[in-house]
Amino acid sequence: MMFISQRALMVFHQLLGRNFNLILELLFMIKIITSSRQHHSVESKGTILQSLEQGSVVHKSQCRTGICGYCKCKLKSGSVTYVTEPLGFMSNDEILPCISIANGNIEIEN
């Protein structure tokens, strides 16, 4: 997992302008296995949580800022980048979808 500070994101945005938004919206697929063992695939657009919501996949969330850890889920494959520093408690194999962006195709378990 990689972390990008909020300051770095602002600098990238200033340097790249409008193209920065295009870079963040590269199309990757997010596969999710729900607690009822249903499989869904959605396009990655924005944070992982935003992508799930845009794909009509219900995922638990509260603070949406990486503080509470309520949205944490297991990362089965792939890698993510954090847009802000995660403060919520999580294990090594877990991510916070509210503040992470897929680095490529990923698979998560709810």
PDB file of N, CA and C in Angstrom:
ATOM      1  N   MET A   1       0.828  -1.163   0.000  1.00  0.00           N
ATOM      2  CA  MET A   1       0.000   0.000   0.000  1.00  0.00           C
ATOM      3  C   MET A   1       0.879   1.235   0.000  1.00  0.00           C
ATOM      4  N   MET A   2       0.381   2.263  -0.620  1.00  0.00           N
ATOM      5  CA  MET A   2       1.135   3.490  -0.741  1.00  0.00           C
ATOM      6  C   MET A   2       0.295   4.625  -0.172  1.00  0.00           C
ATOM      7  N   PHE A   3       0.927   5.650   0.326  1.00  0.00           N
ATOM      8  CA  PHE A   3       0.230   6.793   0.897  1.00  0.00           C
ATOM      9  C   PHE A   3       0.631   8.048   0.145  1.00  0.00           C
ATOM     10  N   ILE A   4      -0.342   8.839  -0.239  1.00  0.00           N
ATOM     11  CA  ILE A   4      -0.086  10.127  -0.864  1.00  0.00           C
ATOM     12  C   ILE A   4      -0.662  11.186   0.059  1.00  0.00           C
ATOM     13  N   SER A   5       0.166  12.122   0.489  1.00  0.00           N
ATOM     14  CA  SER A   5      -0.308  13.159   1.405  1.00  0.00           C
ATOM     15  C   SER A   5      -1.269  14.106   0.696  1.00  0.00           C
ATOM     16  N   GLN A   6      -2.111  14.747   1.480  1.00  0.00           N
ATOM     17  CA  GLN A   6      -3.049  15.718   0.939  1.00  0.00           C
ATOM     18  C   GLN A   6      -2.291  16.847   0.244  1.00  0.00           C
ATOM     19  N   ARG A   7      -1.162  17.257   0.803  1.00  0.00           N
ATOM     20  CA  ARG A   7      -0.340  18.319   0.209  1.00  0.00           C
ATOM     21  C   ARG A   7       0.178  17.885  -1.163  1.00  0.00           C
ATOM     22  N   ALA A   8       0.639  16.635  -1.266  1.00  0.00           N
ATOM     23  CA  ALA A   8       1.133  16.139  -2.553  1.00  0.00           C
ATOM     24  C   ALA A   8       0.018  16.120  -3.592  1.00  0.00           C
ATOM     25  N   LEU A   9      -1.176  15.737  -3.194  1.00  0.00           N
ATOM     26  CA  LEU A   9      -2.307  15.736  -4.129  1.00  0.00           C
ATOM     27  C   LEU A   9      -2.589  17.146  -4.628  1.00  0.00           C
ATOM     28  N   MET A  10      -2.502  18.142  -3.733  1.00  0.00           N
ATOM     29  CA  MET A  10      -2.740  19.524  -4.135  1.00  0.00           C
ATOM     30  C   MET A  10      -1.664  19.992  -5.114  1.00  0.00           C
ATOM     31  N   VAL A  11      -0.403  19.620  -4.861  1.00  0.00           N
ATOM     32  CA  VAL A  11       0.685  20.001  -5.762  1.00  0.00           C
ATOM     33  C   VAL A  11       0.495  19.347  -7.123  1.00  0.00           C
ATOM     34  N   PHE A  12       0.165  18.038  -7.143  1.00  0.00           N
ATOM     35  CA  PHE A  12      -0.084  17.346  -8.410  1.00  0.00           C
ATOM     36  C   PHE A  12      -1.213  18.038  -9.171  1.00  0.00           C
ATOM     37  N   HIS A  13      -2.268  18.397  -8.454  1.00  0.00           N
ATOM     38  CA  HIS A  13      -3.416  19.034  -9.090  1.00  0.00           C
ATOM     39  C   HIS A  13      -3.016  20.380  -9.692  1.00  0.00           C
ATOM     40  N   GLN A  14      -2.197  21.154  -8.984  1.00  0.00           N
ATOM     41  CA  GLN A  14      -1.752  22.444  -9.498  1.00  0.00           C
ATOM     42  C   GLN A  14      -0.861  22.265 -10.729  1.00  0.00           C
ATOM     43  N   LEU A  15       0.011  21.270 -10.702  1.00  0.00           N
ATOM     44  CA  LEU A  15       0.927  21.042 -11.815  1.00  0.00           C
ATOM     45  C   LEU A  15       0.224  20.508 -13.047  1.00  0.00           C
ATOM     46  N   LEU A  16      -0.676  19.591 -12.831  1.00  0.00           N
ATOM     47  CA  LEU A  16      -1.309  18.910 -13.950  1.00  0.00           C
ATOM     48  C   LEU A  16      -2.660  19.502 -14.334  1.00  0.00           C
ATOM     49  N   GLY A  17      -3.225  20.328 -13.454  1.00  0.00           N
ATOM     50  CA  GLY A  17      -4.511  20.952 -13.750  1.00  0.00           C
ATOM     51  C   GLY A  17      -5.583  19.925 -14.030  1.00  0.00           C
ATOM     52  N   ARG A  18      -6.298  20.128 -15.082  1.00  0.00           N
ATOM     53  CA  ARG A  18      -7.425  19.282 -15.435  1.00  0.00           C
ATOM     54  C   ARG A  18      -7.002  17.832 -15.691  1.00  0.00           C
ATOM     55  N   ASN A  19      -5.800  17.618 -16.214  1.00  0.00           N
ATOM     56  CA  ASN A  19      -5.324  16.263 -16.500  1.00  0.00           C
ATOM     57  C   ASN A  19      -5.211  15.412 -15.238  1.00  0.00           C
ATOM     58  N   PHE A  20      -5.040  16.060 -14.076  1.00  0.00           N
ATOM     59  CA  PHE A  20      -4.933  15.315 -12.826  1.00  0.00           C
ATOM     60  C   PHE A  20      -6.197  14.498 -12.579  1.00  0.00           C
ATOM     61  N   ASN A  21      -7.355  15.095 -12.846  1.00  0.00           N
ATOM     62  CA  ASN A  21      -8.614  14.370 -12.648  1.00  0.00           C
ATOM     63  C   ASN A  21      -8.700  13.167 -13.584  1.00  0.00           C
ATOM     64  N   LEU A  22      -8.163  13.284 -14.781  1.00  0.00           N
ATOM     65  CA  LEU A  22      -8.176  12.161 -15.711  1.00  0.00           C
ATOM     66  C   LEU A  22      -7.298  11.024 -15.211  1.00  0.00           C
ATOM     67  N   ILE A  23      -6.153  11.382 -14.603  1.00  0.00           N
ATOM     68  CA  ILE A  23      -5.260  10.355 -14.067  1.00  0.00           C
ATOM     69  C   ILE A  23      -5.945   9.589 -12.952  1.00  0.00           C
ATOM     70  N   LEU A  24      -6.673  10.291 -12.075  1.00  0.00           N
ATOM     71  CA  LEU A  24      -7.358   9.628 -10.972  1.00  0.00           C
ATOM     72  C   LEU A  24      -8.496   8.734 -11.441  1.00  0.00           C
ATOM     73  N   GLU A  25      -8.987   8.965 -12.662  1.00  0.00           N
ATOM     74  CA  GLU A  25     -10.131   8.218 -13.140  1.00  0.00           C
ATOM     75  C   GLU A  25      -9.763   7.131 -14.135  1.00  0.00           C
ATOM     76  N   LEU A  26      -8.514   6.654 -14.114  1.00  0.00           N
ATOM     77  CA  LEU A  26      -8.154   5.514 -14.952  1.00  0.00           C
ATOM     78  C   LEU A  26      -9.086   4.364 -14.608  1.00  0.00           C
ATOM     79  N   LEU A  27      -9.541   3.658 -15.610  1.00  0.00           N
ATOM     80  CA  LEU A  27     -10.526   2.621 -15.360  1.00  0.00           C
ATOM     81  C   LEU A  27      -9.875   1.310 -14.943  1.00  0.00           C
ATOM     82  N   PHE A  28     -10.135   0.936 -13.723  1.00  0.00           N
ATOM     83  CA  PHE A  28      -9.752  -0.351 -13.192  1.00  0.00           C
ATOM     84  C   PHE A  28     -11.020  -1.015 -12.703  1.00  0.00           C
ATOM     85  N   MET A  29     -10.959  -2.303 -12.513  1.00  0.00           N
ATOM     86  CA  MET A  29     -12.126  -3.022 -12.010  1.00  0.00           C
ATOM     87  C   MET A  29     -11.915  -3.367 -10.539  1.00  0.00           C
ATOM     88  N   ILE A  30     -12.992  -3.213  -9.778  1.00  0.00           N
ATOM     89  CA  ILE A  30     -13.002  -3.601  -8.379  1.00  0.00           C
ATOM     90  C   ILE A  30     -13.967  -4.764  -8.259  1.00  0.00           C
ATOM     91  N   LYS A  31     -13.449  -5.895  -7.825  1.00  0.00           N
ATOM     92  CA  LYS A  31     -14.306  -7.055  -7.575  1.00  0.00           C
ATOM     93  C   LYS A  31     -14.528  -7.133  -6.074  1.00  0.00           C
ATOM     94  N   ILE A  32     -15.770  -7.336  -5.668  1.00  0.00           N
ATOM     95  CA  ILE A  32     -16.080  -7.435  -4.248  1.00  0.00           C
ATOM     96  C   ILE A  32     -16.861  -8.708  -3.994  1.00  0.00           C
ATOM     97  N   ILE A  33     -16.493  -9.391  -2.920  1.00  0.00           N
ATOM     98  CA  ILE A  33     -17.212 -10.573  -2.457  1.00  0.00           C
ATOM     99  C   ILE A  33     -17.933 -10.144  -1.186  1.00  0.00           C
ATOM    100  N   THR A  34     -19.252 -10.189  -1.199  1.00  0.00           N
ATOM    101  CA  THR A  34     -20.029  -9.740  -0.043  1.00  0.00           C
ATOM    102  C   THR A  34     -20.086 -10.827   1.020  1.00  0.00           C
ATOM    103  N   SER A  35     -20.575 -10.451   2.196  1.00  0.00           N
ATOM    104  CA  SER A  35     -20.684 -11.411   3.304  1.00  0.00           C
ATOM    105  C   SER A  35     -21.617 -12.567   2.957  1.00  0.00           C
ATOM    106  N   SER A  36     -22.547 -12.349   2.027  1.00  0.00           N
ATOM    107  CA  SER A  36     -23.442 -13.426   1.600  1.00  0.00           C
ATOM    108  C   SER A  36     -22.874 -14.183   0.395  1.00  0.00           C
ATOM    109  N   ARG A  37     -21.578 -13.976   0.123  1.00  0.00           N
ATOM    110  CA  ARG A  37     -20.821 -14.653  -0.935  1.00  0.00           C
ATOM    111  C   ARG A  37     -21.290 -14.309  -2.343  1.00  0.00           C
ATOM    112  N   GLN A  38     -21.917 -13.154  -2.504  1.00  0.00           N
ATOM    113  CA  GLN A  38     -22.258 -12.667  -3.834  1.00  0.00           C
ATOM    114  C   GLN A  38     -21.032 -11.964  -4.409  1.00  0.00           C
ATOM    115  N   HIS A  39     -20.858 -12.050  -5.715  1.00  0.00           N
ATOM    116  CA  HIS A  39     -19.729 -11.416  -6.385  1.00  0.00           C
ATOM    117  C   HIS A  39     -20.246 -10.256  -7.237  1.00  0.00           C
ATOM    118  N   HIS A  40     -19.594  -9.108  -7.126  1.00  0.00           N
ATOM    119  CA  HIS A  40     -19.925  -7.924  -7.912  1.00  0.00           C
ATOM    120  C   HIS A  40     -18.640  -7.369  -8.498  1.00  0.00           C
ATOM    121  N   SER A  41     -18.747  -6.725  -9.641  1.00  0.00           N
ATOM    122  CA  SER A  41     -17.625  -6.004 -10.239  1.00  0.00           C
ATOM    123  C   SER A  41     -18.097  -4.611 -10.590  1.00  0.00           C
ATOM    124  N   VAL A  42     -17.284  -3.617 -10.247  1.00  0.00           N
ATOM    125  CA  VAL A  42     -17.599  -2.228 -10.572  1.00  0.00           C
ATOM    126  C   VAL A  42     -16.357  -1.555 -11.126  1.00  0.00           C
ATOM    127  N   GLU A  43     -16.563  -0.495 -11.901  1.00  0.00           N
ATOM    128  CA  GLU A  43     -15.443   0.289 -12.410  1.00  0.00           C
ATOM    129  C   GLU A  43     -14.923   1.181 -11.302  1.00  0.00           C
ATOM    130  N   SER A  44     -13.618   1.346 -11.258  1.00  0.00           N
ATOM    131  CA  SER A  44     -12.989   2.209 -10.258  1.00  0.00           C
ATOM    132  C   SER A  44     -13.085   3.655 -10.725  1.00  0.00           C
ATOM    133  N   LYS A  45     -13.843   4.462  -9.970  1.00  0.00           N
ATOM    134  CA  LYS A  45     -13.993   5.894 -10.252  1.00  0.00           C
ATOM    135  C   LYS A  45     -13.953   6.616  -8.921  1.00  0.00           C
ATOM    136  N   GLY A  46     -12.852   7.283  -8.631  1.00  0.00           N
ATOM    137  CA  GLY A  46     -12.705   7.952  -7.341  1.00  0.00           C
ATOM    138  C   GLY A  46     -12.203   6.974  -6.296  1.00  0.00           C
ATOM    139  N   THR A  47     -12.625   7.159  -5.053  1.00  0.00           N
ATOM    140  CA  THR A  47     -12.215   6.221  -4.015  1.00  0.00           C
ATOM    141  C   THR A  47     -12.932   4.895  -4.230  1.00  0.00           C
ATOM    142  N   ILE A  48     -12.448   3.870  -3.578  1.00  0.00           N
ATOM    143  CA  ILE A  48     -13.075   2.555  -3.705  1.00  0.00           C
ATOM    144  C   ILE A  48     -14.515   2.603  -3.195  1.00  0.00           C
ATOM    145  N   LEU A  49     -14.748   3.311  -2.091  1.00  0.00           N
ATOM    146  CA  LEU A  49     -16.108   3.426  -1.558  1.00  0.00           C
ATOM    147  C   LEU A  49     -17.019   4.137  -2.551  1.00  0.00           C
ATOM    148  N   GLN A  50     -16.547   5.217  -3.154  1.00  0.00           N
ATOM    149  CA  GLN A  50     -17.342   5.920  -4.161  1.00  0.00           C
ATOM    150  C   GLN A  50     -17.649   5.010  -5.344  1.00  0.00           C
ATOM    151  N   SER A  51     -16.668   4.223  -5.742  1.00  0.00           N
ATOM    152  CA  SER A  51     -16.854   3.304  -6.874  1.00  0.00           C
ATOM    153  C   SER A  51     -17.919   2.265  -6.557  1.00  0.00           C
ATOM    154  N   LEU A  52     -17.869   1.724  -5.352  1.00  0.00           N
ATOM    155  CA  LEU A  52     -18.872   0.733  -4.955  1.00  0.00           C
ATOM    156  C   LEU A  52     -20.261   1.359  -4.961  1.00  0.00           C
ATOM    157  N   GLU A  53     -20.377   2.548  -4.396  1.00  0.00           N
ATOM    158  CA  GLU A  53     -21.678   3.220  -4.346  1.00  0.00           C
ATOM    159  C   GLU A  53     -22.192   3.549  -5.740  1.00  0.00           C
ATOM    160  N   GLN A  54     -21.304   4.004  -6.634  1.00  0.00           N
ATOM    161  CA  GLN A  54     -21.716   4.306  -8.005  1.00  0.00           C
ATOM    162  C   GLN A  54     -22.144   3.046  -8.742  1.00  0.00           C
ATOM    163  N   GLY A  55     -21.596   1.908  -8.340  1.00  0.00           N
ATOM    164  CA  GLY A  55     -21.959   0.631  -8.942  1.00  0.00           C
ATOM    165  C   GLY A  55     -23.113  -0.042  -8.229  1.00  0.00           C
ATOM    166  N   SER A  56     -23.795   0.687  -7.349  1.00  0.00           N
ATOM    167  CA  SER A  56     -24.957   0.195  -6.590  1.00  0.00           C
ATOM    168  C   SER A  56     -24.632  -0.981  -5.678  1.00  0.00           C
ATOM    169  N   VAL A  57     -23.389  -1.025  -5.177  1.00  0.00           N
ATOM    170  CA  VAL A  57     -22.994  -2.050  -4.214  1.00  0.00           C
ATOM    171  C   VAL A  57     -23.000  -1.399  -2.834  1.00  0.00           C
ATOM    172  N   VAL A  58     -23.811  -1.927  -1.940  1.00  0.00           N
ATOM    173  CA  VAL A  58     -23.911  -1.377  -0.592  1.00  0.00           C
ATOM    174  C   VAL A  58     -22.689  -1.803   0.216  1.00  0.00           C
ATOM    175  N   HIS A  59     -22.025  -0.832   0.827  1.00  0.00           N
ATOM    176  CA  HIS A  59     -20.876  -1.106   1.684  1.00  0.00           C
ATOM    177  C   HIS A  59     -20.984  -0.216   2.911  1.00  0.00           C
ATOM    178  N   LYS A  60     -20.718  -0.777   4.065  1.00  0.00           N
ATOM    179  CA  LYS A  60     -20.837  -0.022   5.320  1.00  0.00           C
ATOM    180  C   LYS A  60     -19.847   1.135   5.346  1.00  0.00           C
ATOM    181  N   SER A  61     -20.295   2.280   5.876  1.00  0.00           N
ATOM    182  CA  SER A  61     -19.403   3.437   6.029  1.00  0.00           C
ATOM    183  C   SER A  61     -20.001   4.386   7.055  1.00  0.00           C
ATOM    184  N   GLN A  62     -19.134   5.196   7.644  1.00  0.00           N
ATOM    185  CA  GLN A  62     -19.591   6.223   8.578  1.00  0.00           C
ATOM    186  C   GLN A  62     -18.881   7.533   8.315  1.00  0.00           C
ATOM    187  N   CYS A  63     -17.642   7.671   8.768  1.00  0.00           N
ATOM    188  CA  CYS A  63     -16.966   8.975   8.736  1.00  0.00           C
ATOM    189  C   CYS A  63     -16.527   9.403   7.341  1.00  0.00           C
ATOM    190  N   ARG A  64     -16.186   8.459   6.474  1.00  0.00           N
ATOM    191  CA  ARG A  64     -15.714   8.706   5.106  1.00  0.00           C
ATOM    192  C   ARG A  64     -14.386   9.470   5.049  1.00  0.00           C
ATOM    193  N   THR A  65     -13.646   9.481   6.174  1.00  0.00           N
ATOM    194  CA  THR A  65     -12.377  10.209   6.223  1.00  0.00           C
ATOM    195  C   THR A  65     -11.222   9.344   6.715  1.00  0.00           C
ATOM    196  N   GLY A  66     -11.444   8.055   6.940  1.00  0.00           N
ATOM    197  CA  GLY A  66     -10.379   7.161   7.376  1.00  0.00           C
ATOM    198  C   GLY A  66     -10.097   7.189   8.864  1.00  0.00           C
ATOM    199  N   ILE A  67     -10.976   7.806   9.635  1.00  0.00           N
ATOM    200  CA  ILE A  67     -10.748   7.914  11.076  1.00  0.00           C
ATOM    201  C   ILE A  67     -11.366   6.744  11.847  1.00  0.00           C
ATOM    202  N   CYS A  68     -12.604   6.403  11.534  1.00  0.00           N
ATOM    203  CA  CYS A  68     -13.315   5.426  12.372  1.00  0.00           C
ATOM    204  C   CYS A  68     -12.956   3.970  12.064  1.00  0.00           C
ATOM    205  N   GLY A  69     -12.594   3.665  10.829  1.00  0.00           N
ATOM    206  CA  GLY A  69     -12.259   2.293  10.455  1.00  0.00           C
ATOM    207  C   GLY A  69     -13.463   1.406  10.204  1.00  0.00           C
ATOM    208  N   TYR A  70     -14.650   1.963  10.255  1.00  0.00           N
ATOM    209  CA  TYR A  70     -15.874   1.164  10.110  1.00  0.00           C
ATOM    210  C   TYR A  70     -15.988   0.515   8.728  1.00  0.00           C
ATOM    211  N   CYS A  71     -15.484   1.165   7.697  1.00  0.00           N
ATOM    212  CA  CYS A  71     -15.627   0.656   6.330  1.00  0.00           C
ATOM    213  C   CYS A  71     -14.567  -0.372   5.950  1.00  0.00           C
ATOM    214  N   LYS A  72     -13.649  -0.676   6.851  1.00  0.00           N
ATOM    215  CA  LYS A  72     -12.522  -1.546   6.489  1.00  0.00           C
ATOM    216  C   LYS A  72     -13.000  -2.865   5.876  1.00  0.00           C
ATOM    217  N   CYS A  73     -12.203  -3.361   4.951  1.00  0.00           N
ATOM    218  CA  CYS A  73     -12.491  -4.633   4.311  1.00  0.00           C
ATOM    219  C   CYS A  73     -11.173  -5.299   3.951  1.00  0.00           C
ATOM    220  N   LYS A  74     -11.246  -6.558   3.617  1.00  0.00           N
ATOM    221  CA  LYS A  74     -10.050  -7.340   3.318  1.00  0.00           C
ATOM    222  C   LYS A  74      -9.650  -7.158   1.855  1.00  0.00           C
ATOM    223  N   LEU A  75      -8.374  -6.835   1.633  1.00  0.00           N
ATOM    224  CA  LEU A  75      -7.836  -6.738   0.277  1.00  0.00           C
ATOM    225  C   LEU A  75      -7.317  -8.119  -0.114  1.00  0.00           C
ATOM    226  N   LYS A  76      -8.016  -8.783  -1.047  1.00  0.00           N
ATOM    227  CA  LYS A  76      -7.662 -10.144  -1.466  1.00  0.00           C
ATOM    228  C   LYS A  76      -6.567 -10.136  -2.526  1.00  0.00           C
ATOM    229  N   SER A  77      -6.600  -9.146  -3.424  1.00  0.00           N
ATOM    230  CA  SER A  77      -5.555  -9.055  -4.447  1.00  0.00           C
ATOM    231  C   SER A  77      -5.471  -7.619  -4.946  1.00  0.00           C
ATOM    232  N   GLY A  78      -4.296  -7.250  -5.454  1.00  0.00           N
ATOM    233  CA  GLY A  78      -4.060  -5.912  -5.956  1.00  0.00           C
ATOM    234  C   GLY A  78      -3.488  -5.001  -4.885  1.00  0.00           C
ATOM    235  N   SER A  79      -3.402  -3.721  -5.201  1.00  0.00           N
ATOM    236  CA  SER A  79      -2.872  -2.752  -4.248  1.00  0.00           C
ATOM    237  C   SER A  79      -3.643  -1.446  -4.359  1.00  0.00           C
ATOM    238  N   VAL A  80      -3.539  -0.628  -3.307  1.00  0.00           N
ATOM    239  CA  VAL A  80      -4.253   0.644  -3.254  1.00  0.00           C
ATOM    240  C   VAL A  80      -3.310   1.764  -2.841  1.00  0.00           C
ATOM    241  N   THR A  81      -3.739   2.984  -3.100  1.00  0.00           N
ATOM    242  CA  THR A  81      -3.049   4.185  -2.653  1.00  0.00           C
ATOM    243  C   THR A  81      -4.012   4.960  -1.772  1.00  0.00           C
ATOM    244  N   TYR A  82      -3.529   5.431  -0.634  1.00  0.00           N
ATOM    245  CA  TYR A  82      -4.361   6.238   0.256  1.00  0.00           C
ATOM    246  C   TYR A  82      -4.253   7.702  -0.132  1.00  0.00           C
ATOM    247  N   VAL A  83      -5.385   8.393  -0.187  1.00  0.00           N
ATOM    248  CA  VAL A  83      -5.380   9.817  -0.512  1.00  0.00           C
ATOM    249  C   VAL A  83      -5.162  10.666   0.737  1.00  0.00           C
ATOM    250  N   THR A  84      -5.425  10.126   1.900  1.00  0.00           N
ATOM    251  CA  THR A  84      -5.087  10.745   3.181  1.00  0.00           C
ATOM    252  C   THR A  84      -4.571   9.648   4.102  1.00  0.00           C
ATOM    253  N   GLU A  85      -3.889  10.033   5.143  1.00  0.00           N
ATOM    254  CA  GLU A  85      -3.326   9.044   6.060  1.00  0.00           C
ATOM    255  C   GLU A  85      -4.441   8.320   6.810  1.00  0.00           C
ATOM    256  N   PRO A  86      -4.465   6.979   6.749  1.00  0.00           N
ATOM    257  CA  PRO A  86      -5.508   6.227   7.467  1.00  0.00           C
ATOM    258  C   PRO A  86      -5.246   6.255   8.973  1.00  0.00           C
ATOM    259  N   LEU A  87      -6.274   6.617   9.736  1.00  0.00           N
ATOM    260  CA  LEU A  87      -6.161   6.649  11.186  1.00  0.00           C
ATOM    261  C   LEU A  87      -6.961   5.528  11.838  1.00  0.00           C
ATOM    262  N   GLY A  88      -7.929   4.962  11.120  1.00  0.00           N
ATOM    263  CA  GLY A  88      -8.738   3.871  11.650  1.00  0.00           C
ATOM    264  C   GLY A  88      -7.915   2.610  11.807  1.00  0.00           C
ATOM    265  N   PHE A  89      -8.246   1.803  12.816  1.00  0.00           N
ATOM    266  CA  PHE A  89      -7.524   0.553  13.062  1.00  0.00           C
ATOM    267  C   PHE A  89      -7.844  -0.462  11.989  1.00  0.00           C
ATOM    268  N   MET A  90      -6.800  -1.143  11.496  1.00  0.00           N
ATOM    269  CA  MET A  90      -6.986  -2.215  10.517  1.00  0.00           C
ATOM    270  C   MET A  90      -5.800  -3.160  10.562  1.00  0.00           C
ATOM    271  N   SER A  91      -6.024  -4.381  10.125  1.00  0.00           N
ATOM    272  CA  SER A  91      -4.963  -5.387  10.038  1.00  0.00           C
ATOM    273  C   SER A  91      -4.158  -5.168   8.761  1.00  0.00           C
ATOM    274  N   ASN A  92      -3.044  -5.905   8.619  1.00  0.00           N
ATOM    275  CA  ASN A  92      -2.171  -5.767   7.446  1.00  0.00           C
ATOM    276  C   ASN A  92      -2.869  -6.074   6.130  1.00  0.00           C
ATOM    277  N   ASP A  93      -3.848  -6.976   6.152  1.00  0.00           N
ATOM    278  CA  ASP A  93      -4.514  -7.361   4.910  1.00  0.00           C
ATOM    279  C   ASP A  93      -5.814  -6.592   4.680  1.00  0.00           C
ATOM    280  N   GLU A  94      -6.055  -5.522   5.445  1.00  0.00           N
ATOM    281  CA  GLU A  94      -7.274  -4.745   5.319  1.00  0.00           C
ATOM    282  C   GLU A  94      -6.978  -3.355   4.774  1.00  0.00           C
ATOM    283  N   ILE A  95      -8.000  -2.757   4.152  1.00  0.00           N
ATOM    284  CA  ILE A  95      -7.906  -1.391   3.634  1.00  0.00           C
ATOM    285  C   ILE A  95      -9.125  -0.597   4.103  1.00  0.00           C
ATOM    286  N   LEU A  96      -9.019   0.717   3.983  1.00  0.00           N
ATOM    287  CA  LEU A  96     -10.150   1.605   4.230  1.00  0.00           C
ATOM    288  C   LEU A  96     -10.608   2.154   2.883  1.00  0.00           C
ATOM    289  N   PRO A  97     -11.698   1.608   2.332  1.00  0.00           N
ATOM    290  CA  PRO A  97     -12.140   2.017   0.998  1.00  0.00           C
ATOM    291  C   PRO A  97     -12.561   3.480   0.895  1.00  0.00           C
ATOM    292  N   CYS A  98     -12.889   4.112   2.024  1.00  0.00           N
ATOM    293  CA  CYS A  98     -13.339   5.514   1.972  1.00  0.00           C
ATOM    294  C   CYS A  98     -12.221   6.468   1.577  1.00  0.00           C
ATOM    295  N   ILE A  99     -10.958   6.073   1.771  1.00  0.00           N
ATOM    296  CA  ILE A  99      -9.838   6.972   1.461  1.00  0.00           C
ATOM    297  C   ILE A  99      -8.780   6.309   0.588  1.00  0.00           C
ATOM    298  N   SER A 100      -9.138   5.237  -0.095  1.00  0.00           N
ATOM    299  CA  SER A 100      -8.157   4.558  -0.937  1.00  0.00           C
ATOM    300  C   SER A 100      -8.626   4.489  -2.388  1.00  0.00           C
ATOM    301  N   ILE A 101      -7.646   4.484  -3.274  1.00  0.00           N
ATOM    302  CA  ILE A 101      -7.874   4.404  -4.714  1.00  0.00           C
ATOM    303  C   ILE A 101      -7.149   3.168  -5.222  1.00  0.00           C
ATOM    304  N   ALA A 102      -7.796   2.422  -6.094  1.00  0.00           N
ATOM    305  CA  ALA A 102      -7.187   1.215  -6.657  1.00  0.00           C
ATOM    306  C   ALA A 102      -6.017   1.570  -7.554  1.00  0.00           C
ATOM    307  N   ASN A 103      -4.889   0.847  -7.408  1.00  0.00           N
ATOM    308  CA  ASN A 103      -3.723   1.033  -8.280  1.00  0.00           C
ATOM    309  C   ASN A 103      -3.848   0.224  -9.556  1.00  0.00           C
ATOM    310  N   GLY A 104      -4.826  -0.588  -9.650  1.00  0.00           N
ATOM    311  CA  GLY A 104      -5.083  -1.472 -10.791  1.00  0.00           C
ATOM    312  C   GLY A 104      -6.299  -2.282 -10.421  1.00  0.00           C
ATOM    313  N   ASN A 105      -6.498  -3.387 -11.086  1.00  0.00           N
ATOM    314  CA  ASN A 105      -7.619  -4.254 -10.729  1.00  0.00           C
ATOM    315  C   ASN A 105      -7.384  -4.797  -9.322  1.00  0.00           C
ATOM    316  N   ILE A 106      -8.424  -4.755  -8.490  1.00  0.00           N
ATOM    317  CA  ILE A 106      -8.304  -5.267  -7.123  1.00  0.00           C
ATOM    318  C   ILE A 106      -9.496  -6.164  -6.823  1.00  0.00           C
ATOM    319  N   GLU A 107      -9.331  -6.968  -5.791  1.00  0.00           N
ATOM    320  CA  GLU A 107     -10.431  -7.787  -5.283  1.00  0.00           C
ATOM    321  C   GLU A 107     -10.488  -7.574  -3.774  1.00  0.00           C
ATOM    322  N   ILE A 108     -11.687  -7.255  -3.282  1.00  0.00           N
ATOM    323  CA  ILE A 108     -11.874  -7.036  -1.843  1.00  0.00           C
ATOM    324  C   ILE A 108     -12.976  -7.944  -1.338  1.00  0.00           C
ATOM    325  N   GLU A 109     -12.933  -8.208  -0.043  1.00  0.00           N
ATOM    326  CA  GLU A 109     -13.976  -9.015   0.593  1.00  0.00           C
ATOM    327  C   GLU A 109     -14.614  -8.188   1.688  1.00  0.00           C
ATOM    328  N   ASN A 110     -15.917  -8.090   1.620  1.00  0.00           N
ATOM    329  CA  ASN A 110     -16.695  -7.285   2.545  1.00  0.00           C
ATOM    330  C   ASN A 110     -16.945  -8.049   3.830  1.00  0.00           C
TER     331      ASN A 110
END
